[in-house]
Amino acid sequence: MSQRYGLIGHNISYSKSPRFHLFMSKKLGMDVTYDLLDVEADEIKNLIEDLKQGLFQGFNVTIPYKEKVVQYMDTLSNKAKKIGAVNTIYYRDGKVIGDNTDYDGFVGLLQMHHIDVKEKNVYLLGTGGAAKAVYIALKDLGAFVTVVSRNKKNRHPFFGHTIDYKEIKPSHVDIYIQATPVGTYPDVSASVLTKQEVEGKTVIDLVYNPLVTQIMKDSKLGISGIYMLIIQALKSEEIWFDMSIDLTKKLTKE
């Protein structure tokens, strides 16, 4: 019988996660199905019950529920606890466990593109679940992080130095990390920053559909979040299948 997994989120028809997970699980010789679970917030509890009953073997979580699902977990991994957000869920030894592989995905993305953030002025655009994982990774790697929020009311004590978009001084920025949904298909011409603010800069955009976003086009060096998606997906499968996966080998095949 197939093992059943899925992505919990809302307005996620654009997601490439099913394609990646089905491709990679086939390479690993696993019999897997993977569904897009586009649900309202009050439906999450039912999915967790389905997990406990064995109707699913695990979930990924995306916008806007990475923080919302924490309340349904029996225990959190150290990373998920530190970040305060979950993107990978599984059931083991009678407990619903929440983990976070966005951290691994982002660090892997930096390594793939040979980007050293140590002592660099990195401006993180956004304050959602993915931004939290990126923030912790950047701090662990020794970056000087400034978080940019559109709304002062959205500022969270989790983050350190936080400013408004109007307070950005491009001359102070070494790297932008774009961690909002802005620019995602179909609004491909949208950008959180003007061309003048990003030209001459390195921009890492966690949006992966389209592969080249408007903010990437306007930058000196634009890096897509597609590899973060692939790496975090592989890390999720390592957790679900309780096995080690050769990330480099799998990525080159992808």
Protein backbone atom coordinates (compact mmCIF):
# COMPACT_ATOMS: atom_id res chain seq x y z
CA MET A 1 0.00 0.00 0.00
CA SER A 2 1.21 3.50 -0.85
CA GLN A 3 2.41 5.81 1.90
CA ARG A 4 0.38 9.00 1.82
CA TYR A 5 1.84 12.46 2.34
CA GLY A 6 0.65 15.97 1.61
CA LEU A 7 1.26 19.72 1.72
CA ILE A 8 -0.91 21.73 4.12
CA GLY A 9 -1.48 25.32 3.04
CA HIS A 10 -3.92 27.76 1.48
CA ASN A 11 -4.02 29.01 -2.12
CA ILE A 12 -1.23 26.61 -3.06
CA SER A 13 -2.25 25.40 -6.50
CA TYR A 14 1.07 26.75 -7.84
CA SER A 15 3.14 24.43 -5.61
CA LYS A 16 5.72 22.16 -7.19
CA SER A 17 6.02 20.03 -4.05
CA PRO A 18 3.99 17.06 -5.36
CA ARG A 19 6.17 16.80 -8.46
CA PHE A 20 9.38 16.89 -6.46
CA HIS A 21 8.27 14.43 -3.81
CA LEU A 22 6.90 11.95 -6.33
CA PHE A 23 10.08 12.21 -8.42
CA MET A 24 12.40 11.77 -5.46
CA SER A 25 10.44 9.01 -3.76
CA LYS A 26 10.44 7.06 -7.03
CA LYS A 27 14.22 7.40 -7.20
CA LEU A 28 14.38 6.05 -3.64
CA GLY A 29 12.15 3.12 -4.49
CA MET A 30 9.33 4.32 -2.23
CA ASP A 31 5.64 3.84 -3.07
CA VAL A 32 4.27 7.29 -2.22
CA THR A 33 1.33 9.57 -3.00
CA TYR A 34 1.52 13.30 -2.27
CA ASP A 35 -1.52 15.60 -2.20
CA LEU A 36 -2.03 19.34 -2.14
CA LEU A 37 -4.18 19.94 0.96
CA ASP A 38 -5.58 23.42 0.37
CA VAL A 39 -7.54 23.94 3.58
CA GLU A 40 -8.95 26.56 5.91
CA ALA A 41 -7.27 26.97 9.29
CA ASP A 42 -10.03 25.17 11.15
CA GLU A 43 -9.51 22.05 9.01
CA ILE A 44 -5.91 21.49 10.14
CA LYS A 45 -6.98 19.72 13.32
CA ASN A 46 -8.83 17.10 11.25
CA LEU A 47 -5.72 16.43 9.17
CA ILE A 48 -3.67 15.90 12.32
CA GLU A 49 -6.27 13.37 13.46
CA ASP A 50 -5.98 11.64 10.07
CA LEU A 51 -2.23 11.42 10.68
CA LYS A 52 -2.79 9.79 14.06
CA GLN A 53 -5.19 7.31 12.48
CA GLY A 54 -2.63 6.32 9.84
CA LEU A 55 -4.51 7.86 6.90
CA PHE A 56 -1.40 9.98 6.25
CA GLN A 57 2.22 9.24 7.11
CA GLY A 58 3.41 12.85 7.12
CA PHE A 59 2.86 16.42 6.02
CA ASN A 60 4.74 19.43 4.78
CA VAL A 61 3.38 22.84 5.78
CA THR A 62 3.51 26.06 3.80
CA ILE A 63 1.98 29.56 3.76
CA PRO A 64 0.15 30.60 5.88
CA TYR A 65 0.20 27.79 8.47
CA LYS A 66 3.83 27.17 9.51
CA GLU A 67 3.25 28.87 12.84
CA LYS A 68 -0.42 27.92 13.15
CA VAL A 69 0.29 24.17 13.20
CA VAL A 70 2.64 24.39 16.19
CA GLN A 71 -0.32 24.22 18.58
CA TYR A 72 -1.24 20.76 17.27
CA MET A 73 2.20 19.22 17.85
CA ASP A 74 2.94 16.96 20.81
CA THR A 75 6.64 17.74 20.55
CA LEU A 76 8.98 19.87 18.44
CA SER A 77 12.49 19.27 17.17
CA ASN A 78 15.13 21.61 18.55
CA LYS A 79 15.17 23.55 15.27
CA ALA A 80 11.39 23.92 15.14
CA LYS A 81 11.35 25.00 18.78
CA LYS A 82 14.05 27.60 18.19
CA ILE A 83 12.37 28.90 15.04
CA GLY A 84 8.80 28.73 16.30
CA ALA A 85 7.54 27.34 13.00
CA VAL A 86 6.99 23.89 11.50
CA ASN A 87 7.19 22.76 7.88
CA THR A 88 7.48 18.97 8.39
CA ILE A 89 5.13 16.80 10.46
CA TYR A 90 5.20 13.10 11.24
CA TYR A 91 3.82 10.63 13.79
CA ARG A 92 6.14 8.41 15.77
CA ASP A 93 5.87 6.52 19.05
CA GLY A 94 2.38 7.88 19.67
CA LYS A 95 3.38 11.51 19.23
CA VAL A 96 2.80 14.13 16.52
CA ILE A 97 6.21 15.67 15.90
CA GLY A 98 6.93 18.99 14.22
CA ASP A 99 10.26 19.71 12.55
CA ASN A 100 11.67 22.48 10.36
CA THR A 101 13.72 21.70 7.26
CA ASP A 102 13.48 25.23 5.84
CA TYR A 103 16.61 25.93 7.89
CA ASP A 104 18.50 23.15 6.10
CA GLY A 105 17.10 24.23 2.75
CA PHE A 106 18.29 27.80 3.14
CA VAL A 107 21.76 26.85 4.38
CA GLY A 108 22.05 24.39 1.49
CA LEU A 109 21.00 27.09 -0.96
CA LEU A 110 23.78 29.39 0.28
CA GLN A 111 26.33 26.58 0.03
CA MET A 112 25.29 25.67 -3.51
CA HIS A 113 25.79 29.24 -4.68
CA HIS A 114 28.95 29.80 -2.61
CA ILE A 115 27.45 32.73 -0.72
CA ASP A 116 29.17 33.64 2.53
CA VAL A 117 26.94 35.78 4.75
CA LYS A 118 29.34 36.06 7.68
CA GLU A 119 29.59 39.70 8.80
CA LYS A 120 27.51 40.79 5.79
CA ASN A 121 24.61 43.24 6.11
CA VAL A 122 21.67 41.06 5.17
CA TYR A 123 18.19 42.56 4.89
CA LEU A 124 15.44 39.98 5.40
CA LEU A 125 12.17 40.99 3.78
CA GLY A 126 9.22 39.42 5.59
CA THR A 127 8.34 38.03 9.01
CA GLY A 128 6.49 34.77 8.29
CA GLY A 129 7.38 31.18 9.07
CA ALA A 130 9.99 30.85 6.33
CA ALA A 131 11.53 34.17 7.38
CA LYS A 132 11.93 32.84 10.91
CA ALA A 133 13.91 29.84 9.68
CA VAL A 134 16.07 32.06 7.49
CA TYR A 135 16.63 34.50 10.35
CA ILE A 136 17.94 31.80 12.68
CA ALA A 137 20.15 30.36 9.93
CA LEU A 138 21.60 33.80 9.14
CA LYS A 139 22.32 34.50 12.81
CA ASP A 140 23.96 31.08 13.19
CA LEU A 141 26.15 31.87 10.16
CA GLY A 142 27.30 35.19 11.61
CA ALA A 143 25.37 37.63 9.41
CA PHE A 144 24.27 41.08 10.55
CA VAL A 145 20.53 40.80 10.00
CA THR A 146 17.99 43.59 9.60
CA VAL A 147 14.37 42.46 9.29
CA VAL A 148 12.04 44.54 7.13
CA SER A 149 8.30 44.52 7.82
CA ARG A 150 5.48 46.23 5.92
CA ASN A 151 3.49 46.80 9.07
CA LYS A 152 4.86 47.83 12.44
CA LYS A 153 2.04 45.89 14.07
CA ASN A 154 3.49 42.72 12.54
CA ARG A 155 6.80 43.17 14.31
CA HIS A 156 7.55 40.18 16.47
CA PRO A 157 9.88 40.02 19.50
CA PHE A 158 11.41 36.93 17.86
CA PHE A 159 13.30 39.18 15.45
CA GLY A 160 16.04 41.60 16.34
CA HIS A 161 16.48 44.89 14.52
CA THR A 162 13.31 45.53 12.48
CA ILE A 163 12.56 48.48 10.19
CA ASP A 164 9.91 49.64 7.72
CA TYR A 165 10.50 49.40 3.98
CA LYS A 166 10.76 53.18 3.78
CA GLU A 167 13.72 53.01 6.19
CA ILE A 168 15.85 50.84 3.88
CA LYS A 169 19.11 52.50 2.84
CA PRO A 170 20.38 50.46 -0.15
CA SER A 171 23.94 51.68 0.41
CA HIS A 172 23.93 49.73 3.70
CA VAL A 173 22.73 46.47 2.12
CA ASP A 174 25.00 43.64 0.98
CA ILE A 175 22.31 40.99 0.40
CA TYR A 176 18.52 40.98 0.29
CA ILE A 177 16.54 37.87 1.24
CA GLN A 178 13.00 38.08 -0.18
CA ALA A 179 10.78 35.97 2.11
CA THR A 180 7.31 37.30 1.27
CA PRO A 181 4.84 35.82 -1.28
CA VAL A 182 5.08 38.97 -3.42
CA GLY A 183 5.99 38.13 -7.01
CA THR A 184 4.54 34.64 -6.90
CA TYR A 185 2.62 33.48 -9.99
CA PRO A 186 0.32 34.90 -11.32
CA ASP A 187 1.46 38.32 -10.02
CA VAL A 188 4.84 37.94 -11.67
CA SER A 189 5.44 41.65 -12.25
CA ALA A 190 5.08 42.51 -8.55
CA SER A 191 8.06 43.29 -6.32
CA VAL A 192 8.41 44.43 -2.73
CA LEU A 193 11.26 46.76 -3.74
CA THR A 194 11.93 49.14 -6.61
CA LYS A 195 14.59 48.51 -9.22
CA GLN A 196 16.60 51.38 -7.77
CA GLU A 197 16.67 49.67 -4.37
CA VAL A 198 18.00 46.35 -5.66
CA GLU A 199 20.15 47.14 -8.69
CA GLY A 200 23.76 46.26 -7.99
CA LYS A 201 22.71 43.95 -5.14
CA THR A 202 22.49 40.21 -4.57
CA VAL A 203 18.90 39.08 -4.06
CA ILE A 204 17.85 35.63 -2.87
CA ASP A 205 14.14 35.22 -3.54
CA LEU A 206 12.44 32.34 -1.73
CA VAL A 207 9.66 32.49 -4.32
CA TYR A 208 10.25 29.74 -6.88
CA ASN A 209 7.31 30.21 -9.25
CA PRO A 210 8.35 31.89 -11.49
CA LEU A 211 11.97 30.78 -11.37
CA VAL A 212 13.05 34.33 -12.22
CA THR A 213 11.00 36.92 -10.35
CA GLN A 214 10.81 40.64 -10.97
CA ILE A 215 13.05 41.48 -8.02
CA MET A 216 15.63 39.01 -9.36
CA LYS A 217 15.50 40.66 -12.80
CA ASP A 218 16.13 44.05 -11.22
CA SER A 219 19.12 42.87 -9.17
CA LYS A 220 22.77 42.37 -10.03
CA LEU A 221 22.61 38.71 -8.99
CA GLY A 222 19.26 37.01 -8.50
CA ILE A 223 19.06 33.56 -6.91
CA SER A 224 15.85 31.53 -6.95
CA GLY A 225 14.44 29.70 -3.95
CA ILE A 226 13.94 26.55 -6.03
CA TYR A 227 16.95 24.80 -4.52
CA MET A 228 15.80 25.67 -1.02
CA LEU A 229 12.55 23.91 -1.91
CA ILE A 230 14.38 20.85 -3.23
CA ILE A 231 16.77 20.56 -0.28
CA GLN A 232 14.09 21.05 2.37
CA ALA A 233 11.94 18.46 0.58
CA LEU A 234 14.79 15.95 0.63
CA LYS A 235 15.36 16.64 4.31
CA SER A 236 11.66 16.03 4.96
CA GLU A 237 11.95 12.67 3.22
CA GLU A 238 14.99 11.79 5.31
CA ILE A 239 12.81 12.34 8.38
CA TRP A 240 9.72 10.55 7.06
CA PHE A 241 11.56 7.55 5.62
CA ASP A 242 14.15 7.43 8.43
CA MET A 243 17.03 7.23 5.99
CA SER A 244 20.01 9.27 4.82
CA ILE A 245 19.81 10.73 1.32
CA ASP A 246 22.78 11.85 -0.78
CA LEU A 247 21.63 15.40 -1.37
CA THR A 248 24.26 16.32 -3.93
CA LYS A 249 23.64 13.24 -6.05
CA LYS A 250 19.88 13.69 -5.98
CA LEU A 251 20.09 17.37 -6.76
CA THR A 252 22.27 16.88 -9.79
CA LYS A 253 19.84 14.29 -11.09
CA GLU A 254 16.94 16.69 -10.54
